[in-house]
């Protein structure tokens, strides 16, 4: 493509410095970069956003055909042709939105077109937990994939909302950015935080003002009721802590847990369920004050039990007997053997 051709048509144009600070581009539209530039930095940015695409570089009035990885020094202008969505080497947010709009178009994917906020809401929960699992496994490739899946769910809901006239992408992004600016008063305002605790306190103060909480109990009542129960209990306790209604240290919570355990054991059938809830709530307090997340801690314990039980089962079946043929004492002995082997 010649520069004159670009100037006669539709294109996106950036001064080199602005190009380096911009994150997303519409790759269907020709890109023009001009002005004084650090070709090495521009090359790196092109490779990240576009891939090693063909580039027309204008140097002293001459057009030079090159690749993004090999830009000539002294270039005055760089031109990258627009390309079809399916021909992109690299993708950004605008391409994700374009793909979702294509899938939801009248001639798009029948399944995607049929979905509603309600029909896919559980997908977001599943994807969020898959991302948590990737984080727990400390797997960057898994995190990269699962972060994308979580983002896709947010885009899916926004596209549904946009098609129904509820809100659009700029509404969603504006609210997000506004919230980030307004709640970081120690960054974009006059407050100053010396540590993470002070930063969080400023965030919470700004959130309280924004949400117009009438009281702490009002804030508690607005915690999503469909959160996992352990996480819900922890968030309720954290709100109480802000008012000073909390144990001074974990020892008080441990004693309360012992008390609730005894009450559960003594409870009659009419009160068993209530006391069981109190017992779990007290256990969450102990973990929270110990700096542990109850939801993830229990999940890890469940996974550990599953892993050890599978090993126990393998040992038992290797004898030619069925699990039900073993006494509890025999199974307990195998369990201890599995634990010793794992710990070794």
C-alpha atoms as a PDB file:
ATOM      1  CA  UNK A   1       0.000   0.000   0.000  1.00  0.00           C
ATOM      2  CA  UNK A   2       1.242   3.491  -0.890  1.00  0.00           C
ATOM      3  CA  UNK A   3       0.929   6.395   1.523  1.00  0.00           C
ATOM      4  CA  UNK A   4      -1.151   8.308  -1.016  1.00  0.00           C
ATOM      5  CA  UNK A   5      -3.596   5.398  -1.107  1.00  0.00           C
ATOM      6  CA  UNK A   6      -4.030   5.559   2.651  1.00  0.00           C
ATOM      7  CA  UNK A   7      -4.579   9.292   2.684  1.00  0.00           C
ATOM      8  CA  UNK A   8      -7.444   8.893   0.206  1.00  0.00           C
ATOM      9  CA  UNK A   9      -9.258   6.299   2.310  1.00  0.00           C
ATOM     10  CA  UNK A  10     -10.194   5.325   5.849  1.00  0.00           C
ATOM     11  CA  UNK A  11      -7.280   4.806   8.239  1.00  0.00           C
ATOM     12  CA  UNK A  12      -6.209   5.142  11.848  1.00  0.00           C
ATOM     13  CA  UNK A  13      -3.265   7.459  12.339  1.00  0.00           C
ATOM     14  CA  UNK A  14      -0.938   7.787  15.317  1.00  0.00           C
ATOM     15  CA  UNK A  15       2.089   9.837  16.183  1.00  0.00           C
ATOM     16  CA  UNK A  16       4.715   7.271  17.177  1.00  0.00           C
ATOM     17  CA  UNK A  17       4.647   8.218  20.877  1.00  0.00           C
ATOM     18  CA  UNK A  18       0.857   7.844  21.001  1.00  0.00           C
ATOM     19  CA  UNK A  19       1.045   4.512  19.188  1.00  0.00           C
ATOM     20  CA  UNK A  20       3.375   3.137  21.850  1.00  0.00           C
ATOM     21  CA  UNK A  21       0.938   4.078  24.647  1.00  0.00           C
ATOM     22  CA  UNK A  22      -2.209   2.737  22.937  1.00  0.00           C
ATOM     23  CA  UNK A  23      -3.324  -0.794  23.780  1.00  0.00           C
ATOM     24  CA  UNK A  24      -5.925  -1.793  21.216  1.00  0.00           C
ATOM     25  CA  UNK A  25      -6.360  -1.164  17.496  1.00  0.00           C
ATOM     26  CA  UNK A  26      -8.976  -2.079  14.906  1.00  0.00           C
ATOM     27  CA  UNK A  27      -6.901  -4.259  12.596  1.00  0.00           C
ATOM     28  CA  UNK A  28      -9.487  -4.124   9.827  1.00  0.00           C
ATOM     29  CA  UNK A  29      -8.547  -0.484   9.248  1.00  0.00           C
ATOM     30  CA  UNK A  30      -5.116   0.505   7.809  1.00  0.00           C
ATOM     31  CA  UNK A  31      -2.700   1.820  10.420  1.00  0.00           C
ATOM     32  CA  UNK A  32      -0.426   4.822   9.854  1.00  0.00           C
ATOM     33  CA  UNK A  33       2.399   5.720  12.251  1.00  0.00           C
ATOM     34  CA  UNK A  34       4.448   8.828  11.656  1.00  0.00           C
ATOM     35  CA  UNK A  35       6.698  11.328  13.363  1.00  0.00           C
ATOM     36  CA  UNK A  36      10.024  10.816  15.077  1.00  0.00           C
ATOM     37  CA  UNK A  37      10.145   7.235  16.314  1.00  0.00           C
ATOM     38  CA  UNK A  38      12.216   4.662  18.149  1.00  0.00           C
ATOM     39  CA  UNK A  39      11.993   1.926  15.529  1.00  0.00           C
ATOM     40  CA  UNK A  40      13.001  -0.777  17.989  1.00  0.00           C
ATOM     41  CA  UNK A  41      10.189   0.144  20.387  1.00  0.00           C
ATOM     42  CA  UNK A  42       7.680   0.512  17.537  1.00  0.00           C
ATOM     43  CA  UNK A  43       8.748  -2.851  16.124  1.00  0.00           C
ATOM     44  CA  UNK A  44       8.208  -4.515  19.505  1.00  0.00           C
ATOM     45  CA  UNK A  45       4.748  -2.927  19.833  1.00  0.00           C
ATOM     46  CA  UNK A  46       3.745  -3.984  16.306  1.00  0.00           C
ATOM     47  CA  UNK A  47       4.850  -7.556  16.959  1.00  0.00           C
ATOM     48  CA  UNK A  48       2.840  -7.611  20.184  1.00  0.00           C
ATOM     49  CA  UNK A  49      -0.342  -6.134  18.701  1.00  0.00           C
ATOM     50  CA  UNK A  50      -0.206  -7.203  15.051  1.00  0.00           C
ATOM     51  CA  UNK A  51       2.370  -9.981  14.737  1.00  0.00           C
ATOM     52  CA  UNK A  52       5.182  -9.999  12.157  1.00  0.00           C
ATOM     53  CA  UNK A  53       3.015  -8.385   9.478  1.00  0.00           C
ATOM     54  CA  UNK A  54       4.161  -6.693   6.249  1.00  0.00           C
ATOM     55  CA  UNK A  55       4.892  -2.980   6.685  1.00  0.00           C
ATOM     56  CA  UNK A  56       5.392  -0.178   4.175  1.00  0.00           C
ATOM     57  CA  UNK A  57       8.034   2.219   5.483  1.00  0.00           C
ATOM     58  CA  UNK A  58       8.551   5.638   3.936  1.00  0.00           C
ATOM     59  CA  UNK A  59      12.165   6.804   4.207  1.00  0.00           C
ATOM     60  CA  UNK A  60      13.237  10.050   2.487  1.00  0.00           C
ATOM     61  CA  UNK A  61      10.372   9.812  -0.004  1.00  0.00           C
ATOM     62  CA  UNK A  62      10.993   6.122  -0.820  1.00  0.00           C
ATOM     63  CA  UNK A  63       8.609   3.280   0.011  1.00  0.00           C
ATOM     64  CA  UNK A  64      10.372   0.252   1.506  1.00  0.00           C
ATOM     65  CA  UNK A  65       8.586  -3.072   1.960  1.00  0.00           C
ATOM     66  CA  UNK A  66       9.627  -4.837   5.164  1.00  0.00           C
ATOM     67  CA  UNK A  67       8.290  -6.832   8.101  1.00  0.00           C
ATOM     68  CA  UNK A  68       7.378  -5.570  11.560  1.00  0.00           C
ATOM     69  CA  UNK A  69      10.404  -7.355  12.964  1.00  0.00           C
ATOM     70  CA  UNK A  70      12.812  -5.533  10.635  1.00  0.00           C
ATOM     71  CA  UNK A  71      11.842  -1.857  10.416  1.00  0.00           C
ATOM     72  CA  UNK A  72      14.397   0.391   8.706  1.00  0.00           C
ATOM     73  CA  UNK A  73      16.091   3.082  10.750  1.00  0.00           C
ATOM     74  CA  UNK A  74      15.104   6.638   9.892  1.00  0.00           C
ATOM     75  CA  UNK A  75      11.574   5.821   8.733  1.00  0.00           C
ATOM     76  CA  UNK A  76       9.270   8.856   8.624  1.00  0.00           C
ATOM     77  CA  UNK A  77       6.035   6.905   8.213  1.00  0.00           C
ATOM     78  CA  UNK A  78       4.953   3.293   8.678  1.00  0.00           C
ATOM     79  CA  UNK A  79       1.835   1.774   7.111  1.00  0.00           C
ATOM     80  CA  UNK A  80       0.175  -1.521   8.009  1.00  0.00           C
ATOM     81  CA  UNK A  81      -2.645  -2.765   5.777  1.00  0.00           C
ATOM     82  CA  UNK A  82      -6.009  -3.578   7.261  1.00  0.00           C
ATOM     83  CA  UNK A  83      -6.947  -7.264   7.234  1.00  0.00           C
ATOM     84  CA  UNK A  84      -9.991  -9.480   7.626  1.00  0.00           C
ATOM     85  CA  UNK A  85     -10.813 -10.685  11.129  1.00  0.00           C
ATOM     86  CA  UNK A  86      -9.961 -14.282  10.247  1.00  0.00           C
ATOM     87  CA  UNK A  87      -6.530 -13.232   8.909  1.00  0.00           C
ATOM     88  CA  UNK A  88      -5.333 -11.495  12.093  1.00  0.00           C
ATOM     89  CA  UNK A  89      -2.132 -12.851  13.589  1.00  0.00           C
ATOM     90  CA  UNK A  90      -2.750 -11.171  16.953  1.00  0.00           C
ATOM     91  CA  UNK A  91      -5.999 -10.030  18.567  1.00  0.00           C
ATOM     92  CA  UNK A  92      -7.121  -7.261  20.904  1.00  0.00           C
ATOM     93  CA  UNK A  93     -10.305  -6.208  22.694  1.00  0.00           C
ATOM     94  CA  UNK A  94     -11.871  -4.709  19.560  1.00  0.00           C
ATOM     95  CA  UNK A  95     -11.474  -8.020  17.706  1.00  0.00           C
ATOM     96  CA  UNK A  96     -13.054  -9.886  20.630  1.00  0.00           C
ATOM     97  CA  UNK A  97     -16.050  -7.582  20.496  1.00  0.00           C
ATOM     98  CA  UNK A  98     -16.245  -7.991  16.702  1.00  0.00           C
ATOM     99  CA  UNK A  99     -16.221 -11.782  17.028  1.00  0.00           C
ATOM    100  CA  UNK A 100     -18.971 -11.706  19.655  1.00  0.00           C
ATOM    101  CA  UNK A 101     -21.084  -9.387  17.504  1.00  0.00           C
ATOM    102  CA  UNK A 102     -20.611 -11.733  14.546  1.00  0.00           C
ATOM    103  CA  UNK A 103     -21.652 -14.746  16.620  1.00  0.00           C
ATOM    104  CA  UNK A 104     -24.779 -12.939  17.847  1.00  0.00           C
ATOM    105  CA  UNK A 105     -25.727 -11.518  14.440  1.00  0.00           C
ATOM    106  CA  UNK A 106     -28.907 -12.633  12.653  1.00  0.00           C
ATOM    107  CA  UNK A 107     -26.887 -15.028  10.504  1.00  0.00           C
ATOM    108  CA  UNK A 108     -24.548 -15.943  13.349  1.00  0.00           C
ATOM    109  CA  UNK A 109     -24.234 -18.976  15.610  1.00  0.00           C
ATOM    110  CA  UNK A 110     -27.642 -20.374  16.578  1.00  0.00           C
ATOM    111  CA  UNK A 111     -26.451 -21.332  20.069  1.00  0.00           C
ATOM    112  CA  UNK A 112     -24.873 -17.947  20.827  1.00  0.00           C
ATOM    113  CA  UNK A 113     -27.935 -16.121  19.519  1.00  0.00           C
ATOM    114  CA  UNK A 114     -30.234 -18.151  21.766  1.00  0.00           C
ATOM    115  CA  UNK A 115     -28.437 -17.307  25.027  1.00  0.00           C
ATOM    116  CA  UNK A 116     -29.697 -14.918  27.703  1.00  0.00           C
ATOM    117  CA  UNK A 117     -28.153 -13.473  30.849  1.00  0.00           C
ATOM    118  CA  UNK A 118     -29.882 -16.219  32.821  1.00  0.00           C
ATOM    119  CA  UNK A 119     -28.919 -19.134  30.585  1.00  0.00           C
ATOM    120  CA  UNK A 120     -25.161 -18.456  30.768  1.00  0.00           C
ATOM    121  CA  UNK A 121     -24.837 -17.081  34.296  1.00  0.00           C
ATOM    122  CA  UNK A 122     -23.504 -20.373  35.665  1.00  0.00           C
ATOM    123  CA  UNK A 123     -20.784 -20.364  32.982  1.00  0.00           C
ATOM    124  CA  UNK A 124     -19.162 -17.341  34.610  1.00  0.00           C
ATOM    125  CA  UNK A 125     -19.032 -19.135  37.965  1.00  0.00           C
ATOM    126  CA  UNK A 126     -17.447 -22.201  36.356  1.00  0.00           C
ATOM    127  CA  UNK A 127     -14.893 -20.141  34.439  1.00  0.00           C
ATOM    128  CA  UNK A 128     -13.998 -18.153  37.561  1.00  0.00           C
ATOM    129  CA  UNK A 129     -13.295 -21.360  39.486  1.00  0.00           C
ATOM    130  CA  UNK A 130     -11.217 -22.706  36.599  1.00  0.00           C
ATOM    131  CA  UNK A 131      -9.126 -19.532  36.772  1.00  0.00           C
ATOM    132  CA  UNK A 132      -8.718 -19.995  40.521  1.00  0.00           C
ATOM    133  CA  UNK A 133      -7.540 -23.554  39.882  1.00  0.00           C
ATOM    134  CA  UNK A 134      -5.001 -22.283  37.348  1.00  0.00           C
ATOM    135  CA  UNK A 135      -3.717 -19.791  39.928  1.00  0.00           C
ATOM    136  CA  UNK A 136      -3.480 -22.529  42.571  1.00  0.00           C
ATOM    137  CA  UNK A 137      -1.468 -24.653  40.142  1.00  0.00           C
ATOM    138  CA  UNK A 138       0.775 -21.657  39.399  1.00  0.00           C
ATOM    139  CA  UNK A 139       0.325 -22.401  35.700  1.00  0.00           C
ATOM    140  CA  UNK A 140       0.816 -19.348  33.469  1.00  0.00           C
ATOM    141  CA  UNK A 141      -0.499 -21.147  30.331  1.00  0.00           C
ATOM    142  CA  UNK A 142      -3.654 -22.195  32.199  1.00  0.00           C
ATOM    143  CA  UNK A 143      -4.091 -18.703  33.644  1.00  0.00           C
ATOM    144  CA  UNK A 144      -3.722 -17.159  30.190  1.00  0.00           C
ATOM    145  CA  UNK A 145      -6.504 -19.375  28.843  1.00  0.00           C
ATOM    146  CA  UNK A 146      -8.817 -19.024  31.837  1.00  0.00           C
ATOM    147  CA  UNK A 147      -8.395 -15.227  32.050  1.00  0.00           C
ATOM    148  CA  UNK A 148      -9.584 -15.139  28.450  1.00  0.00           C
ATOM    149  CA  UNK A 149     -12.575 -17.336  29.253  1.00  0.00           C
ATOM    150  CA  UNK A 150     -13.605 -15.082  32.150  1.00  0.00           C
ATOM    151  CA  UNK A 151     -13.233 -11.993  29.935  1.00  0.00           C
ATOM    152  CA  UNK A 152     -15.316 -13.669  27.241  1.00  0.00           C
ATOM    153  CA  UNK A 153     -18.178 -14.172  29.698  1.00  0.00           C
ATOM    154  CA  UNK A 154     -18.145 -10.450  30.562  1.00  0.00           C
ATOM    155  CA  UNK A 155     -18.155  -9.573  26.854  1.00  0.00           C
ATOM    156  CA  UNK A 156     -20.954 -12.100  26.204  1.00  0.00           C
ATOM    157  CA  UNK A 157     -23.191 -10.478  28.838  1.00  0.00           C
ATOM    158  CA  UNK A 158     -22.351  -6.995  27.554  1.00  0.00           C
ATOM    159  CA  UNK A 159     -23.225  -7.996  23.986  1.00  0.00           C
ATOM    160  CA  UNK A 160     -26.569  -9.420  25.149  1.00  0.00           C
ATOM    161  CA  UNK A 161     -27.244  -6.220  27.103  1.00  0.00           C
ATOM    162  CA  UNK A 162     -26.262  -4.074  24.114  1.00  0.00           C
ATOM    163  CA  UNK A 163     -28.613  -5.966  21.792  1.00  0.00           C
ATOM    164  CA  UNK A 164     -31.470  -5.484  24.271  1.00  0.00           C
ATOM    165  CA  UNK A 165     -30.807  -1.793  24.841  1.00  0.00           C
ATOM    166  CA  UNK A 166     -29.809  -2.300  28.499  1.00  0.00           C
ATOM    167  CA  UNK A 167     -26.250  -0.951  28.271  1.00  0.00           C
ATOM    168  CA  UNK A 168     -23.326  -1.014  25.858  1.00  0.00           C
ATOM    169  CA  UNK A 169     -19.583  -1.578  25.925  1.00  0.00           C
ATOM    170  CA  UNK A 170     -18.754   2.062  26.570  1.00  0.00           C
ATOM    171  CA  UNK A 171     -21.295   2.143  29.410  1.00  0.00           C
ATOM    172  CA  UNK A 172     -19.672  -0.894  31.019  1.00  0.00           C
ATOM    173  CA  UNK A 173     -16.111   0.347  30.533  1.00  0.00           C
ATOM    174  CA  UNK A 174     -16.984   3.873  31.664  1.00  0.00           C
ATOM    175  CA  UNK A 175     -18.507   2.587  34.899  1.00  0.00           C
ATOM    176  CA  UNK A 176     -15.480   0.377  35.521  1.00  0.00           C
ATOM    177  CA  UNK A 177     -12.940   3.128  34.863  1.00  0.00           C
ATOM    178  CA  UNK A 178     -14.950   5.678  36.852  1.00  0.00           C
ATOM    179  CA  UNK A 179     -15.039   3.290  39.810  1.00  0.00           C
ATOM    180  CA  UNK A 180     -11.294   2.644  39.638  1.00  0.00           C
ATOM    181  CA  UNK A 181     -10.565   6.367  39.596  1.00  0.00           C
ATOM    182  CA  UNK A 182     -13.078   7.345  42.285  1.00  0.00           C
ATOM    183  CA  UNK A 183     -12.125   4.575  44.712  1.00  0.00           C
ATOM    184  CA  UNK A 184      -8.359   5.071  44.398  1.00  0.00           C
ATOM    185  CA  UNK A 185      -8.477   8.405  46.167  1.00  0.00           C
ATOM    186  CA  UNK A 186      -4.849   7.951  47.237  1.00  0.00           C
ATOM    187  CA  UNK A 187      -3.810   7.814  43.568  1.00  0.00           C
ATOM    188  CA  UNK A 188      -6.238  10.110  41.741  1.00  0.00           C
ATOM    189  CA  UNK A 189      -7.250  12.233  44.735  1.00  0.00           C
ATOM    190  CA  UNK A 190      -5.698  13.988  47.713  1.00  0.00           C
ATOM    191  CA  UNK A 191      -5.345  11.046  50.105  1.00  0.00           C
ATOM    192  CA  UNK A 192      -2.000   9.358  50.721  1.00  0.00           C
ATOM    193  CA  UNK A 193      -1.546   5.686  51.593  1.00  0.00           C
ATOM    194  CA  UNK A 194       1.655   4.463  53.227  1.00  0.00           C
ATOM    195  CA  UNK A 195       0.813   0.769  53.070  1.00  0.00           C
ATOM    196  CA  UNK A 196      -1.710  -1.718  51.598  1.00  0.00           C
ATOM    197  CA  UNK A 197      -3.938  -1.487  54.701  1.00  0.00           C
ATOM    198  CA  UNK A 198      -4.327   2.279  54.356  1.00  0.00           C
ATOM    199  CA  UNK A 199      -4.966   1.910  50.618  1.00  0.00           C
ATOM    200  CA  UNK A 200      -7.734  -0.613  51.330  1.00  0.00           C
ATOM    201  CA  UNK A 201      -9.234   1.676  53.976  1.00  0.00           C
ATOM    202  CA  UNK A 202      -9.442   4.533  51.457  1.00  0.00           C
ATOM    203  CA  UNK A 203     -11.020   2.159  48.913  1.00  0.00           C
ATOM    204  CA  UNK A 204     -13.637   1.017  51.432  1.00  0.00           C
ATOM    205  CA  UNK A 205     -14.411   4.594  52.496  1.00  0.00           C
ATOM    206  CA  UNK A 206     -14.914   5.628  48.886  1.00  0.00           C
ATOM    207  CA  UNK A 207     -17.059   2.548  48.229  1.00  0.00           C
ATOM    208  CA  UNK A 208     -19.225   3.295  51.275  1.00  0.00           C
ATOM    209  CA  UNK A 209     -19.780   6.840  50.023  1.00  0.00           C
ATOM    210  CA  UNK A 210     -20.496   5.651  46.489  1.00  0.00           C
ATOM    211  CA  UNK A 211     -22.940   2.900  47.527  1.00  0.00           C
ATOM    212  CA  UNK A 212     -24.620   5.153  50.108  1.00  0.00           C
ATOM    213  CA  UNK A 213     -24.648   2.458  52.775  1.00  0.00           C
ATOM    214  CA  UNK A 214     -27.012   3.475  55.573  1.00  0.00           C
ATOM    215  CA  UNK A 215     -25.215   1.218  58.049  1.00  0.00           C
ATOM    216  CA  UNK A 216     -22.867  -1.753  58.301  1.00  0.00           C
ATOM    217  CA  UNK A 217     -25.832  -4.125  58.356  1.00  0.00           C
ATOM    218  CA  UNK A 218     -27.050  -2.461  55.147  1.00  0.00           C
ATOM    219  CA  UNK A 219     -23.659  -3.166  53.563  1.00  0.00           C
ATOM    220  CA  UNK A 220     -23.842  -6.773  54.790  1.00  0.00           C
ATOM    221  CA  UNK A 221     -27.303  -7.169  53.327  1.00  0.00           C
ATOM    222  CA  UNK A 222     -25.989  -6.156  49.887  1.00  0.00           C
ATOM    223  CA  UNK A 223     -23.420  -8.957  49.787  1.00  0.00           C
ATOM    224  CA  UNK A 224     -24.510 -11.258  46.914  1.00  0.00           C
ATOM    225  CA  UNK A 225     -26.614 -14.046  48.430  1.00  0.00           C
ATOM    226  CA  UNK A 226     -25.476 -16.576  45.831  1.00  0.00           C
ATOM    227  CA  UNK A 227     -21.826 -16.494  46.921  1.00  0.00           C
ATOM    228  CA  UNK A 228     -20.450 -19.813  48.195  1.00  0.00           C
ATOM    229  CA  UNK A 229     -21.552 -20.072  51.829  1.00  0.00           C
ATOM    230  CA  UNK A 230     -18.065 -20.029  53.351  1.00  0.00           C
ATOM    231  CA  UNK A 231     -17.075 -16.962  51.325  1.00  0.00           C
ATOM    232  CA  UNK A 232     -20.374 -15.279  52.215  1.00  0.00           C
ATOM    233  CA  UNK A 233     -19.757 -15.896  55.932  1.00  0.00           C
ATOM    234  CA  UNK A 234     -16.232 -14.499  55.659  1.00  0.00           C
ATOM    235  CA  UNK A 235     -17.427 -11.302  53.970  1.00  0.00           C
ATOM    236  CA  UNK A 236     -20.106 -10.799  56.641  1.00  0.00           C
ATOM    237  CA  UNK A 237     -17.443 -11.168  59.348  1.00  0.00           C
ATOM    238  CA  UNK A 238     -15.140  -8.708  57.597  1.00  0.00           C
ATOM    239  CA  UNK A 239     -17.871  -6.051  57.601  1.00  0.00           C
ATOM    240  CA  UNK A 240     -18.394  -6.611  61.348  1.00  0.00           C
ATOM    241  CA  UNK A 241     -14.638  -6.230  61.861  1.00  0.00           C
ATOM    242  CA  UNK A 242     -14.777  -2.710  60.390  1.00  0.00           C
ATOM    243  CA  UNK A 243     -17.007  -1.707  63.318  1.00  0.00           C
ATOM    244  CA  UNK A 244     -14.622  -3.306  65.814  1.00  0.00           C
ATOM    245  CA  UNK A 245     -16.955  -6.253  66.447  1.00  0.00           C
ATOM    246  CA  UNK A 246     -14.333  -8.972  66.186  1.00  0.00           C
ATOM    247  CA  UNK A 247     -12.014 -11.120  68.266  1.00  0.00           C
ATOM    248  CA  UNK A 248      -8.760  -9.467  69.276  1.00  0.00           C
ATOM    249  CA  UNK A 249      -6.862 -12.520  68.048  1.00  0.00           C
ATOM    250  CA  UNK A 250      -7.466 -16.072  66.887  1.00  0.00           C
ATOM    251  CA  UNK A 251      -7.412 -17.510  70.435  1.00  0.00           C
ATOM    252  CA  UNK A 252     -10.846 -16.056  71.203  1.00  0.00           C
ATOM    253  CA  UNK A 253     -12.238 -17.515  67.996  1.00  0.00           C
ATOM    254  CA  UNK A 254     -10.744 -20.923  68.822  1.00  0.00           C
ATOM    255  CA  UNK A 255     -12.486 -20.945  72.204  1.00  0.00           C
ATOM    256  CA  UNK A 256     -15.747 -19.977  70.504  1.00  0.00           C
ATOM    257  CA  UNK A 257     -15.283 -22.859  68.058  1.00  0.00           C
ATOM    258  CA  UNK A 258     -14.888 -25.284  70.989  1.00  0.00           C
ATOM    259  CA  UNK A 259     -18.045 -23.864  72.557  1.00  0.00           C
ATOM    260  CA  UNK A 260     -20.032 -24.231  69.344  1.00  0.00           C
ATOM    261  CA  UNK A 261     -18.744 -27.783  68.897  1.00  0.00           C
ATOM    262  CA  UNK A 262     -20.032 -28.734  72.343  1.00  0.00           C
ATOM    263  CA  UNK A 263     -23.387 -27.074  71.659  1.00  0.00           C
ATOM    264  CA  UNK A 264     -23.718 -28.983  68.405  1.00  0.00           C
ATOM    265  CA  UNK A 265     -22.985 -32.287  70.127  1.00  0.00           C
ATOM    266  CA  UNK A 266     -25.565 -31.573  72.851  1.00  0.00           C
ATOM    267  CA  UNK A 267     -28.250 -30.206  70.494  1.00  0.00           C
ATOM    268  CA  UNK A 268     -31.505 -32.083  69.996  1.00  0.00           C
ATOM    269  CA  UNK A 269     -32.871 -32.771  66.523  1.00  0.00           C
ATOM    270  CA  UNK A 270     -34.905 -29.546  66.496  1.00  0.00           C
ATOM    271  CA  UNK A 271     -31.774 -27.426  66.957  1.00  0.00           C
ATOM    272  CA  UNK A 272     -29.127 -29.566  65.236  1.00  0.00           C
ATOM    273  CA  UNK A 273     -29.228 -27.615  61.979  1.00  0.00           C
ATOM    274  CA  UNK A 274     -28.970 -24.241  63.717  1.00  0.00           C
ATOM    275  CA  UNK A 275     -26.028 -25.358  65.846  1.00  0.00           C
ATOM    276  CA  UNK A 276     -24.322 -26.873  62.800  1.00  0.00           C
ATOM    277  CA  UNK A 277     -24.490 -23.473  61.101  1.00  0.00           C
ATOM    278  CA  UNK A 278     -23.049 -21.776  64.188  1.00  0.00           C
ATOM    279  CA  UNK A 279     -20.234 -24.322  64.221  1.00  0.00           C
ATOM    280  CA  UNK A 280     -19.311 -23.648  60.610  1.00  0.00           C
ATOM    281  CA  UNK A 281     -19.556 -19.878  61.114  1.00  0.00           C
ATOM    282  CA  UNK A 282     -17.198 -20.133  64.098  1.00  0.00           C
ATOM    283  CA  UNK A 283     -14.754 -22.220  62.040  1.00  0.00           C
ATOM    284  CA  UNK A 284     -14.723 -19.526  59.340  1.00  0.00           C
ATOM    285  CA  UNK A 285     -13.826 -16.983  62.042  1.00  0.00           C
ATOM    286  CA  UNK A 286     -10.834 -19.076  63.128  1.00  0.00           C
ATOM    287  CA  UNK A 287      -9.517 -19.381  59.580  1.00  0.00           C
ATOM    288  CA  UNK A 288     -10.106 -15.698  58.769  1.00  0.00           C
ATOM    289  CA  UNK A 289      -8.215 -14.560  61.846  1.00  0.00           C
ATOM    290  CA  UNK A 290      -5.431 -16.963  60.867  1.00  0.00           C
ATOM    291  CA  UNK A 291      -5.146 -15.279  57.468  1.00  0.00           C
ATOM    292  CA  UNK A 292      -6.696 -18.223  55.598  1.00  0.00           C
ATOM    293  CA  UNK A 293      -9.570 -18.268  53.104  1.00  0.00           C
ATOM    294  CA  UNK A 294     -12.171 -20.760  54.318  1.00  0.00           C
ATOM    295  CA  UNK A 295     -13.521 -21.494  50.834  1.00  0.00           C
ATOM    296  CA  UNK A 296     -10.141 -22.335  49.328  1.00  0.00           C
ATOM    297  CA  UNK A 297      -8.877 -24.088  52.450  1.00  0.00           C
ATOM    298  CA  UNK A 298     -11.833 -26.481  52.460  1.00  0.00           C
ATOM    299  CA  UNK A 299     -11.469 -27.046  48.724  1.00  0.00           C
ATOM    300  CA  UNK A 300      -7.794 -27.946  49.206  1.00  0.00           C
ATOM    301  CA  UNK A 301      -8.708 -30.321  52.049  1.00  0.00           C
ATOM    302  CA  UNK A 302     -11.350 -31.981  49.876  1.00  0.00           C
ATOM    303  CA  UNK A 303      -8.871 -32.408  47.037  1.00  0.00           C
ATOM    304  CA  UNK A 304      -6.334 -33.890  49.452  1.00  0.00           C
ATOM    305  CA  UNK A 305      -8.942 -36.357  50.721  1.00  0.00           C
ATOM    306  CA  UNK A 306      -9.834 -37.344  47.151  1.00  0.00           C
ATOM    307  CA  UNK A 307      -6.167 -37.887  46.284  1.00  0.00           C
ATOM    308  CA  UNK A 308      -5.528 -40.024  49.360  1.00  0.00           C
ATOM    309  CA  UNK A 309      -8.754 -41.963  49.002  1.00  0.00           C
ATOM    310  CA  UNK A 310      -7.839 -42.870  45.425  1.00  0.00           C
ATOM    311  CA  UNK A 311      -4.509 -44.218  46.680  1.00  0.00           C
ATOM    312  CA  UNK A 312      -6.241 -46.111  49.505  1.00  0.00           C
ATOM    313  CA  UNK A 313      -8.753 -47.588  47.060  1.00  0.00           C
ATOM    314  CA  UNK A 314      -5.964 -48.703  44.719  1.00  0.00           C
ATOM    315  CA  UNK A 315      -4.164 -50.457  47.581  1.00  0.00           C
ATOM    316  CA  UNK A 316      -7.346 -52.169  48.725  1.00  0.00           C
ATOM    317  CA  UNK A 317      -8.415 -53.383  45.286  1.00  0.00           C
ATOM    318  CA  UNK A 318      -4.882 -54.620  44.561  1.00  0.00           C
ATOM    319  CA  UNK A 319      -5.486 -57.329  47.172  1.00  0.00           C
ATOM    320  CA  UNK A 320      -8.310 -58.760  45.095  1.00  0.00           C
ATOM    321  CA  UNK A 321     -10.940 -57.760  47.640  1.00  0.00           C
ATOM    322  CA  UNK A 322     -13.696 -55.162  47.340  1.00  0.00           C
ATOM    323  CA  UNK A 323     -13.713 -52.047  49.520  1.00  0.00           C
ATOM    324  CA  UNK A 324     -16.754 -53.307  51.402  1.00  0.00           C
ATOM    325  CA  UNK A 325     -14.864 -56.495  52.353  1.00  0.00           C
ATOM    326  CA  UNK A 326     -12.510 -54.491  54.601  1.00  0.00           C
ATOM    327  CA  UNK A 327     -13.201 -53.581  58.188  1.00  0.00           C
ATOM    328  CA  UNK A 328     -13.007 -49.940  59.200  1.00  0.00           C
ATOM    329  CA  UNK A 329      -9.844 -50.723  61.165  1.00  0.00           C
ATOM    330  CA  UNK A 330      -8.206 -52.248  58.075  1.00  0.00           C
ATOM    331  CA  UNK A 331      -9.158 -49.271  55.919  1.00  0.00           C
ATOM    332  CA  UNK A 332      -7.864 -46.895  58.584  1.00  0.00           C
ATOM    333  CA  UNK A 333      -4.539 -48.750  58.577  1.00  0.00           C
ATOM    334  CA  UNK A 334      -4.321 -48.410  54.780  1.00  0.00           C
ATOM    335  CA  UNK A 335      -5.184 -44.717  55.121  1.00  0.00           C
ATOM    336  CA  UNK A 336      -2.317 -44.166  57.544  1.00  0.00           C
ATOM    337  CA  UNK A 337      -0.018 -46.023  55.146  1.00  0.00           C
ATOM    338  CA  UNK A 338      -1.073 -43.728  52.308  1.00  0.00           C
ATOM    339  CA  UNK A 339      -0.429 -40.662  54.489  1.00  0.00           C
ATOM    340  CA  UNK A 340       3.051 -41.868  55.421  1.00  0.00           C
ATOM    341  CA  UNK A 341       3.942 -42.527  51.786  1.00  0.00           C
ATOM    342  CA  UNK A 342       2.664 -39.127  50.697  1.00  0.00           C
ATOM    343  CA  UNK A 343       4.442 -37.246  53.459  1.00  0.00           C
ATOM    344  CA  UNK A 344       7.669 -39.114  52.699  1.00  0.00           C
END
